[in-house]
Amino acid sequence: MSRTTSEFAAFDPMFGNTLLDWAALNPKDQAVLDEILKRKLGVDTLIKAARSPLATAIQCRNVAGAKKLLAAGANPNLATGSPKILPLHFAVQTGQLSVVLRKMFTTSTDLKAVAINGYSALHYAIMGNSMSTVKLLEKHGPTIVSQIVDSTGKEWGSTLTLANEYGSLDLVQNFWHDGAEKTLTGHGSGLGHFAVHGSVSDDVRLFLETKNIDWNVDSADLSLISTKRGHFQGLCRPLHIAALLGFDSAIAFLKTHGHILNINVPSLGTAGYSPLHLAAVGGRTSTVKLLTRYGADLDLKSRSDEQTPLHLAARYGHAGAVTALLQAGCAQNPVDANGMTPELLAIENEHIAVKNFLSEHLDALEVKLGTAEGGSSEVVPSRFGSKTFTAKESAHDGRD
C-alpha cells in the first residue's frame, strides 16, 4: 500500500519524529531513506526535539545516510538541538566520520561557525582528542578561530588551553606558541590551572614544566568551577582547583616537582579557603588524606566565617571526609565565627548520618576524657540544645 506525501511528512504522535528522522536513525537500511528522499520533502524538517535529520544521521554514525542528506540539499549550517549545535560539530565530536567531514567541505559548510557555548569545530575535535580530525580541519580551514569567547564576551580559553585540558601531548605541542606560558584567559586561568584536570597526563605536565609556566599564580576565578555544592567566590591557584575537584595525581605531581610553595595557601577573596578546606567542600576523601600526608593544617580556619575543614565536610554532608579528618587528628568540636560546631552544621543542613556519627564520636570521647585524671569541663554553646563537650585542657584544646 502506497503512502501519501502528507503521511511521509507527519510527526510520530508518541515520539515526535518524522519518517525521515526515523530513516536517518538506521544506518543498516538505506532503502527507506532513499524512498523518502525521492519525494523531495523538507530535508531540514526538525523533529519535535528540535533536531534535524542530518544531525540525527551524524549522531547515529549513519555515514551513508548523512552523505545522501547532504547531496539532497540538507543545510550543514543549521544549528539544532538544545543547546543548539551544528551538524559539523556533531561530526567532529564523533572523531570517526572523516568521510562525512570531507563531504561537508565540498558544500557551503561554515568551518569557522561557533556554537552557543563559543566552541568551533576545531575545539570539539580537540576535546575528542582526535589529531587526525584536527589536521583535517586545519587543512580545509586554516583561518579557523582559536579563541573561545563566552556569552559575556570574555575569552574562556583557546585551542591550546583545550589541548592542555583534554588532549594528548601531540595536540599540546601542535598548538604551542611563543609566549603561551604567560597567557591568562579572560577569567584569569593560566595553563597551570588547566593542567591539573584529571584528564591531563603527566607527559603534558612535564612538557609544560620545560616551558616555565607559573604553577602558583592566584588568578583563576573560583566561582566558575562548578561542583554539586555550588560555586565559591575567590581567586585561586592550580592546587586549589585540584583539591576541590579531587585530582590527586595532579596534586602529587605538583608536590613531587616542587610546585607547592605553601600547602595551606588560602584562596584570595572573602572566604580564604585552603586546599584542605576545598577538598572537604568537594567531599574528596582521598584528597583529604593526601593533603594531610603532605602536612596540611587540619584546623586552619577560613577567613570569613572561621570554619575548619571539619566544619565544611559536616556542613556539606561528606561522611568520608569527616571520618578522614577525625582519623588524622583534627579538632573534634571547633566553633566557628557564628558559634557553630560541625555537629550543629550537620543538623542545620539535615545531614542526619553525619550528625549521628559526630554525636557518637563526641559522646565516646566525652566518656573517655571524663574518666581521665585532671579533666575539666568545657561547654560549647549550641543553638539546638544543651550539647556539652568535655575536653581535657591542653595546648591542643579540643583534640584527641
Protein backbone atom coordinates (compact mmCIF):
# COMPACT_ATOMS: atom_id res chain seq x y z
CA MET A 1 0.00 0.00 0.00
CA SER A 2 1.49 3.34 -1.01
CA ARG A 3 1.77 6.26 1.38
CA THR A 4 0.78 9.82 0.66
CA THR A 5 3.22 12.71 0.83
CA SER A 6 1.45 14.02 3.91
CA GLU A 7 1.98 10.70 5.68
CA PHE A 8 5.71 10.87 4.99
CA ALA A 9 5.82 14.39 6.43
CA ALA A 10 3.70 13.61 9.51
CA PHE A 11 5.12 13.51 13.02
CA ASP A 12 5.04 10.37 15.13
CA PRO A 13 2.38 11.19 17.78
CA MET A 14 4.33 9.44 20.55
CA PHE A 15 7.95 10.46 19.94
CA GLY A 16 7.57 13.48 17.67
CA ASN A 17 9.82 12.07 14.92
CA THR A 18 9.19 12.22 11.17
CA LEU A 19 9.70 9.19 8.93
CA LEU A 20 12.79 10.91 7.54
CA ASP A 21 14.23 11.16 11.03
CA TRP A 22 13.46 7.50 11.73
CA ALA A 23 15.21 6.58 8.49
CA ALA A 24 18.23 8.69 9.41
CA LEU A 25 18.43 6.81 12.70
CA ASN A 26 19.06 3.47 10.98
CA PRO A 27 22.44 3.09 9.24
CA LYS A 28 21.64 -0.51 8.20
CA ASP A 29 18.63 0.25 5.99
CA GLN A 30 19.26 2.88 3.33
CA ALA A 31 16.32 1.84 1.14
CA VAL A 32 13.77 3.61 3.33
CA LEU A 33 15.85 6.78 3.34
CA ASP A 34 16.21 6.62 -0.45
CA GLU A 35 12.44 6.26 -0.87
CA ILE A 36 11.68 9.25 1.37
CA LEU A 37 14.29 11.47 -0.28
CA LYS A 38 12.74 10.74 -3.69
CA ARG A 39 9.62 12.57 -2.54
CA LYS A 40 11.64 15.76 -2.06
CA LEU A 41 10.10 16.58 1.30
CA GLY A 42 11.63 19.15 3.63
CA VAL A 43 15.06 17.67 4.15
CA ASP A 44 15.69 20.06 7.04
CA THR A 45 12.36 19.47 8.82
CA LEU A 46 13.03 19.49 12.55
CA ILE A 47 11.51 16.88 14.79
CA LYS A 48 9.74 17.88 17.99
CA ALA A 49 13.09 17.63 19.83
CA ALA A 50 14.44 20.37 17.52
CA ARG A 51 16.89 18.03 15.77
CA SER A 52 17.42 17.86 12.01
CA PRO A 53 17.64 14.58 10.03
CA LEU A 54 21.28 15.40 9.17
CA ALA A 55 22.13 15.82 12.85
CA THR A 56 20.34 12.53 13.58
CA ALA A 57 22.31 10.65 10.92
CA ILE A 58 25.62 12.02 12.17
CA GLN A 59 24.83 11.27 15.81
CA CYS A 60 23.94 7.69 14.87
CA ARG A 61 27.11 7.32 12.74
CA ASN A 62 24.96 6.79 9.67
CA VAL A 63 27.70 7.82 7.23
CA ALA A 64 25.87 6.78 4.08
CA GLY A 65 22.69 8.48 5.25
CA ALA A 66 24.48 11.71 6.12
CA LYS A 67 26.10 11.81 2.67
CA LYS A 68 22.72 11.28 0.99
CA LEU A 69 21.09 14.03 3.06
CA LEU A 70 23.89 16.46 2.16
CA ALA A 71 23.52 15.51 -1.51
CA ALA A 72 19.78 16.14 -1.22
CA GLY A 73 20.47 19.68 -0.01
CA ALA A 74 20.45 19.35 3.79
CA ASN A 75 21.71 22.56 5.36
CA PRO A 76 25.10 21.86 7.00
CA ASN A 77 24.90 25.16 8.89
CA LEU A 78 21.54 24.56 10.58
CA ALA A 79 22.11 24.55 14.33
CA THR A 80 19.70 22.22 16.09
CA GLY A 81 19.09 20.59 19.44
CA SER A 82 19.21 22.08 22.91
CA PRO A 83 21.63 23.71 23.35
CA LYS A 84 21.93 24.35 19.62
CA ILE A 85 24.85 22.72 17.85
CA LEU A 86 25.89 22.45 14.20
CA PRO A 87 25.94 19.16 12.24
CA LEU A 88 29.65 19.80 11.62
CA HIS A 89 30.23 19.87 15.36
CA PHE A 90 28.36 16.59 15.80
CA ALA A 91 30.54 15.03 13.11
CA VAL A 92 33.73 16.32 14.70
CA GLN A 93 32.74 15.09 18.17
CA THR A 94 32.44 11.51 16.95
CA GLY A 95 36.02 11.61 15.64
CA GLN A 96 35.27 8.79 13.17
CA LEU A 97 33.31 10.46 10.39
CA SER A 98 36.07 11.75 8.13
CA VAL A 99 34.01 10.74 5.07
CA VAL A 100 31.14 12.95 6.20
CA LEU A 101 33.53 15.77 7.05
CA ARG A 102 35.09 15.65 3.59
CA LYS A 103 31.60 15.75 2.07
CA MET A 104 30.83 18.81 4.19
CA PHE A 105 33.98 20.53 2.96
CA THR A 106 32.60 20.37 -0.59
CA THR A 107 29.37 22.08 0.48
CA SER A 108 28.81 25.54 1.94
CA THR A 109 29.69 24.42 5.47
CA ASP A 110 30.95 27.29 7.62
CA LEU A 111 34.11 25.89 9.22
CA LYS A 112 34.51 28.96 11.44
CA ALA A 113 30.99 28.81 12.88
CA VAL A 114 30.76 28.62 16.65
CA ALA A 115 28.12 27.04 18.85
CA ILE A 116 26.24 28.97 21.53
CA ASN A 117 28.94 27.99 24.04
CA GLY A 118 31.62 29.62 21.88
CA TYR A 119 33.15 26.36 20.63
CA SER A 120 34.14 25.85 17.00
CA ALA A 121 34.60 22.56 15.14
CA LEU A 122 38.31 22.68 15.91
CA HIS A 123 37.60 22.99 19.63
CA TYR A 124 35.31 19.95 19.54
CA ALA A 125 37.96 17.95 17.69
CA ILE A 126 40.48 18.77 20.42
CA MET A 127 38.01 17.76 23.13
CA GLY A 128 37.63 14.46 21.29
CA ASN A 129 41.43 14.09 21.37
CA SER A 130 41.49 13.43 17.63
CA MET A 131 44.67 14.67 15.97
CA SER A 132 43.54 13.32 12.58
CA THR A 133 40.36 15.42 12.71
CA VAL A 134 42.33 18.46 13.85
CA LYS A 135 44.68 18.10 10.88
CA LEU A 136 41.74 17.65 8.52
CA LEU A 137 40.11 20.84 9.78
CA GLU A 138 43.37 22.77 9.66
CA LYS A 139 43.88 21.68 6.07
CA HIS A 140 40.47 22.90 4.93
CA GLY A 141 40.06 25.84 7.29
CA PRO A 142 43.40 27.47 8.08
CA THR A 143 41.72 30.62 9.38
CA ILE A 144 39.58 28.85 11.98
CA VAL A 145 39.23 30.97 15.13
CA SER A 146 41.29 29.62 18.02
CA GLN A 147 39.77 31.59 20.92
CA ILE A 148 36.69 30.51 22.89
CA VAL A 149 34.57 33.52 23.80
CA ASP A 150 31.74 33.08 26.31
CA SER A 151 28.36 34.81 26.43
CA THR A 152 29.81 37.74 28.41
CA GLY A 153 32.40 38.43 25.73
CA LYS A 154 35.31 37.16 27.81
CA GLU A 155 37.84 34.75 26.39
CA TRP A 156 37.21 31.45 28.14
CA GLY A 157 40.06 29.58 26.54
CA SER A 158 41.71 28.66 23.26
CA THR A 159 42.83 25.73 21.18
CA LEU A 160 45.93 25.50 23.38
CA THR A 161 44.09 25.53 26.72
CA LEU A 162 41.67 22.88 25.44
CA ALA A 163 44.54 20.73 24.18
CA ASN A 164 46.12 21.19 27.59
CA GLU A 165 42.97 20.12 29.43
CA TYR A 166 41.60 17.37 27.16
CA GLY A 167 44.29 16.34 24.73
CA SER A 168 47.44 14.34 24.47
CA LEU A 169 50.97 15.67 24.26
CA ASP A 170 50.96 15.80 20.46
CA LEU A 171 47.93 18.12 20.50
CA VAL A 172 49.53 20.41 23.09
CA GLN A 173 52.70 20.59 21.01
CA ASN A 174 50.64 21.23 17.88
CA PHE A 175 49.07 24.35 19.36
CA TRP A 176 52.02 25.63 21.38
CA HIS A 177 53.17 29.14 20.51
CA ASP A 178 55.75 31.61 21.79
CA GLY A 179 54.64 33.45 24.92
CA ALA A 180 51.88 30.97 25.75
CA GLU A 181 53.35 30.35 29.21
CA LYS A 182 52.32 33.86 30.26
CA THR A 183 48.82 33.72 28.79
CA LEU A 184 45.77 34.13 31.03
CA THR A 185 42.17 33.78 29.86
CA GLY A 186 39.59 36.49 30.46
CA HIS A 187 38.65 34.63 33.64
CA GLY A 188 42.21 34.51 34.93
CA SER A 189 43.06 30.89 34.22
CA GLY A 190 46.61 30.10 33.12
CA LEU A 191 47.96 26.90 31.63
CA GLY A 192 48.73 25.59 35.11
CA HIS A 193 45.04 25.82 36.07
CA PHE A 194 44.04 23.79 33.01
CA ALA A 195 46.88 21.30 33.51
CA VAL A 196 45.64 19.99 36.87
CA HIS A 197 42.44 18.50 35.47
CA GLY A 198 42.05 14.76 35.76
CA SER A 199 42.23 14.01 32.04
CA VAL A 200 45.70 15.57 31.71
CA SER A 201 48.65 13.19 31.59
CA ASP A 202 51.95 13.73 33.36
CA ASP A 203 53.58 13.82 29.90
CA VAL A 204 51.70 17.05 29.21
CA ARG A 205 52.61 18.45 32.63
CA LEU A 206 56.28 17.59 32.11
CA PHE A 207 56.20 19.36 28.75
CA LEU A 208 54.70 22.45 30.39
CA GLU A 209 57.41 22.31 33.03
CA THR A 210 60.02 22.80 30.31
CA LYS A 211 58.14 25.96 29.28
CA ASN A 212 58.41 27.53 32.75
CA ILE A 213 54.72 28.16 33.28
CA ASP A 214 53.57 29.56 36.63
CA TRP A 215 52.05 26.84 38.82
CA ASN A 216 51.32 29.24 41.69
CA VAL A 217 49.51 32.18 40.14
CA ASP A 218 46.48 33.27 42.23
CA SER A 219 44.31 34.31 39.32
CA ALA A 220 41.65 31.76 38.34
CA ASP A 221 38.05 32.65 39.17
CA LEU A 222 36.96 30.01 41.68
CA SER A 223 33.27 30.83 41.15
CA LEU A 224 33.44 29.37 37.63
CA ILE A 225 34.41 25.92 38.89
CA SER A 226 31.05 24.25 39.29
CA THR A 227 30.53 21.46 41.79
CA LYS A 228 27.37 19.78 43.02
CA ARG A 229 27.71 22.01 46.09
CA GLY A 230 27.56 25.21 44.04
CA HIS A 231 30.06 27.95 43.35
CA PHE A 232 32.62 29.58 45.61
CA GLN A 233 33.98 33.12 45.37
CA GLY A 234 37.64 34.00 45.17
CA LEU A 235 40.79 33.68 43.09
CA CYS A 236 42.80 30.51 43.28
CA ARG A 237 45.91 28.58 42.28
CA PRO A 238 46.03 25.31 40.33
CA LEU A 239 46.40 23.49 43.68
CA HIS A 240 43.01 24.80 44.85
CA ILE A 241 41.30 23.53 41.70
CA ALA A 242 42.90 20.10 42.01
CA ALA A 243 41.83 19.87 45.66
CA LEU A 244 38.23 20.94 45.04
CA LEU A 245 37.77 18.52 42.14
CA GLY A 246 39.76 15.67 43.69
CA PHE A 247 42.56 15.39 41.14
CA ASP A 248 45.06 13.56 43.34
CA SER A 249 47.53 12.75 40.56
CA ALA A 250 47.86 16.45 39.78
CA ILE A 251 48.48 17.29 43.45
CA ALA A 252 51.11 14.55 43.63
CA PHE A 253 52.78 15.97 40.51
CA LEU A 254 52.84 19.47 41.98
CA LYS A 255 54.33 18.15 45.21
CA THR A 256 56.92 15.90 43.56
CA HIS A 257 58.14 18.66 41.26
CA GLY A 258 58.35 21.35 43.92
CA HIS A 259 55.39 23.42 42.78
CA ILE A 260 53.57 23.56 46.14
CA LEU A 261 55.09 26.55 47.88
CA ASN A 262 52.54 26.53 50.70
CA ILE A 263 50.24 23.56 51.28
CA ASN A 264 47.93 25.78 53.37
CA VAL A 265 47.76 28.75 50.99
CA PRO A 266 44.29 30.36 51.20
CA SER A 267 42.34 31.37 48.13
CA LEU A 268 42.22 35.11 47.56
CA GLY A 269 38.94 36.76 48.47
CA THR A 270 36.47 36.79 51.32
CA ALA A 271 36.32 33.06 52.10
CA GLY A 272 40.04 32.32 52.22
CA TYR A 273 39.79 28.55 51.76
CA SER A 274 42.91 26.39 51.92
CA PRO A 275 43.26 23.37 49.61
CA LEU A 276 42.15 21.15 52.51
CA HIS A 277 39.03 23.31 53.01
CA LEU A 278 38.17 22.85 49.34
CA ALA A 279 38.79 19.10 49.42
CA ALA A 280 36.36 18.95 52.35
CA VAL A 281 33.80 21.01 50.43
CA GLY A 282 34.03 18.63 47.50
CA GLY A 283 33.88 15.54 49.69
CA ARG A 284 37.18 14.29 48.26
CA THR A 285 38.14 11.73 50.88
CA SER A 286 41.31 10.53 49.15
CA THR A 287 42.37 14.14 48.57
CA VAL A 288 41.85 14.96 52.25
CA LYS A 289 44.14 12.05 53.14
CA LEU A 290 46.74 13.09 50.56
CA LEU A 291 46.86 16.72 51.70
CA THR A 292 47.08 15.53 55.30
CA ARG A 293 50.12 13.41 54.43
CA TYR A 294 51.66 16.48 52.82
CA GLY A 295 51.30 18.40 56.09
CA ALA A 296 48.10 20.38 55.61
CA ASP A 297 46.86 22.18 58.73
CA LEU A 298 43.81 20.21 59.86
CA ASP A 299 42.44 23.05 61.99
CA LEU A 300 43.15 26.09 59.84
CA LYS A 301 40.16 28.43 59.93
CA SER A 302 38.73 30.14 56.87
CA ARG A 303 38.98 33.90 56.63
CA SER A 304 35.32 34.94 56.65
CA ASP A 305 33.48 32.51 58.94
CA GLU A 306 36.41 30.88 60.78
CA GLN A 307 35.39 27.39 59.75
CA THR A 308 37.78 24.44 59.75
CA PRO A 309 37.79 21.71 57.09
CA LEU A 310 35.72 19.58 59.50
CA HIS A 311 33.05 22.30 59.60
CA LEU A 312 32.80 22.23 55.81
CA ALA A 313 32.80 18.44 55.48
CA ALA A 314 29.95 18.25 58.02
CA ARG A 315 28.09 21.20 56.51
CA TYR A 316 28.00 19.52 53.11
CA GLY A 317 27.32 16.03 54.44
CA HIS A 318 30.52 14.28 53.39
CA ALA A 319 30.87 11.37 55.83
CA GLY A 320 34.07 10.08 54.23
CA ALA A 321 35.83 13.43 54.54
CA VAL A 322 34.58 13.82 58.12
CA THR A 323 35.98 10.40 59.02
CA ALA A 324 39.32 11.08 57.31
CA LEU A 325 39.76 14.39 59.14
CA LEU A 326 38.92 12.89 62.54
CA GLN A 327 41.23 9.94 61.95
CA ALA A 328 44.01 12.38 61.05
CA GLY A 329 43.57 14.08 64.44
CA CYS A 330 41.69 17.29 63.72
CA ALA A 331 39.97 19.28 66.47
CA GLN A 332 36.82 17.37 67.44
CA ASN A 333 34.37 20.17 68.21
CA PRO A 334 35.68 23.54 66.94
CA VAL A 335 33.47 26.62 66.99
CA ASP A 336 33.21 28.99 64.04
CA ALA A 337 32.58 32.75 63.99
CA ASN A 338 28.84 32.15 64.41
CA GLY A 339 29.17 29.78 67.35
CA MET A 340 28.51 26.72 65.22
CA THR A 341 30.22 23.35 65.59
CA PRO A 342 30.49 20.73 62.81
CA GLU A 343 27.77 18.70 64.51
CA LEU A 344 25.39 21.67 64.56
CA LEU A 345 26.10 22.43 60.90
CA ALA A 346 25.24 18.83 60.03
CA ILE A 347 21.95 19.21 61.91
CA GLU A 348 21.18 22.57 60.30
CA ASN A 349 21.72 21.14 56.82
CA GLU A 350 19.84 17.90 57.58
CA HIS A 351 22.78 15.54 57.13
CA ILE A 352 21.49 13.09 59.71
CA ALA A 353 24.05 10.33 59.13
CA VAL A 354 26.94 12.77 59.59
CA LYS A 355 25.26 14.31 62.64
CA ASN A 356 24.79 10.87 64.23
CA PHE A 357 28.39 9.91 63.51
CA LEU A 358 29.73 13.11 65.07
CA SER A 359 27.43 12.76 68.10
CA GLU A 360 28.55 9.19 68.73
CA HIS A 361 32.18 10.18 68.27
CA LEU A 362 31.89 13.10 70.70
CA ASP A 363 29.92 11.09 73.25
CA ALA A 364 32.58 8.37 73.24
CA LEU A 365 35.31 10.96 73.60
CA GLU A 366 33.42 12.67 76.43
CA VAL A 367 33.25 9.41 78.37
CA LYS A 368 36.92 8.75 77.70
CA LEU A 369 38.09 12.18 78.80
CA GLY A 370 35.67 12.36 81.70
CA THR A 371 37.37 9.41 83.36
CA ALA A 372 40.87 10.80 82.86
CA GLU A 373 42.55 12.45 85.81
CA GLY A 374 42.81 16.20 85.65
CA GLY A 375 39.94 16.58 83.24
CA SER A 376 37.90 19.77 83.19
CA SER A 377 34.59 20.62 81.59
CA GLU A 378 34.31 22.89 78.59
CA VAL A 379 30.80 23.80 77.49
CA VAL A 380 30.33 24.53 73.79
CA PRO A 381 27.26 26.73 73.11
CA SER A 382 24.58 25.11 70.99
CA ARG A 383 21.63 26.63 69.15
CA PHE A 384 19.88 23.29 69.10
CA GLY A 385 20.02 22.11 72.68
CA SER A 386 22.35 21.51 75.58
CA LYS A 387 25.09 19.55 73.86
CA THR A 388 28.04 19.60 76.26
CA PHE A 389 31.54 18.57 75.27
CA THR A 390 34.08 17.71 77.94
CA ALA A 391 37.64 18.33 76.80
CA LYS A 392 40.94 17.84 78.52
CA GLU A 393 42.79 21.14 78.78
CA SER A 394 45.96 21.06 76.74
CA ALA A 395 47.96 23.03 74.22
CA HIS A 396 45.76 21.41 71.56
CA ASP A 397 42.39 22.24 73.03
CA GLY A 398 39.65 20.06 71.58
CA ARG A 399 41.96 17.44 70.06
CA ASP A 400 42.43 13.81 70.97
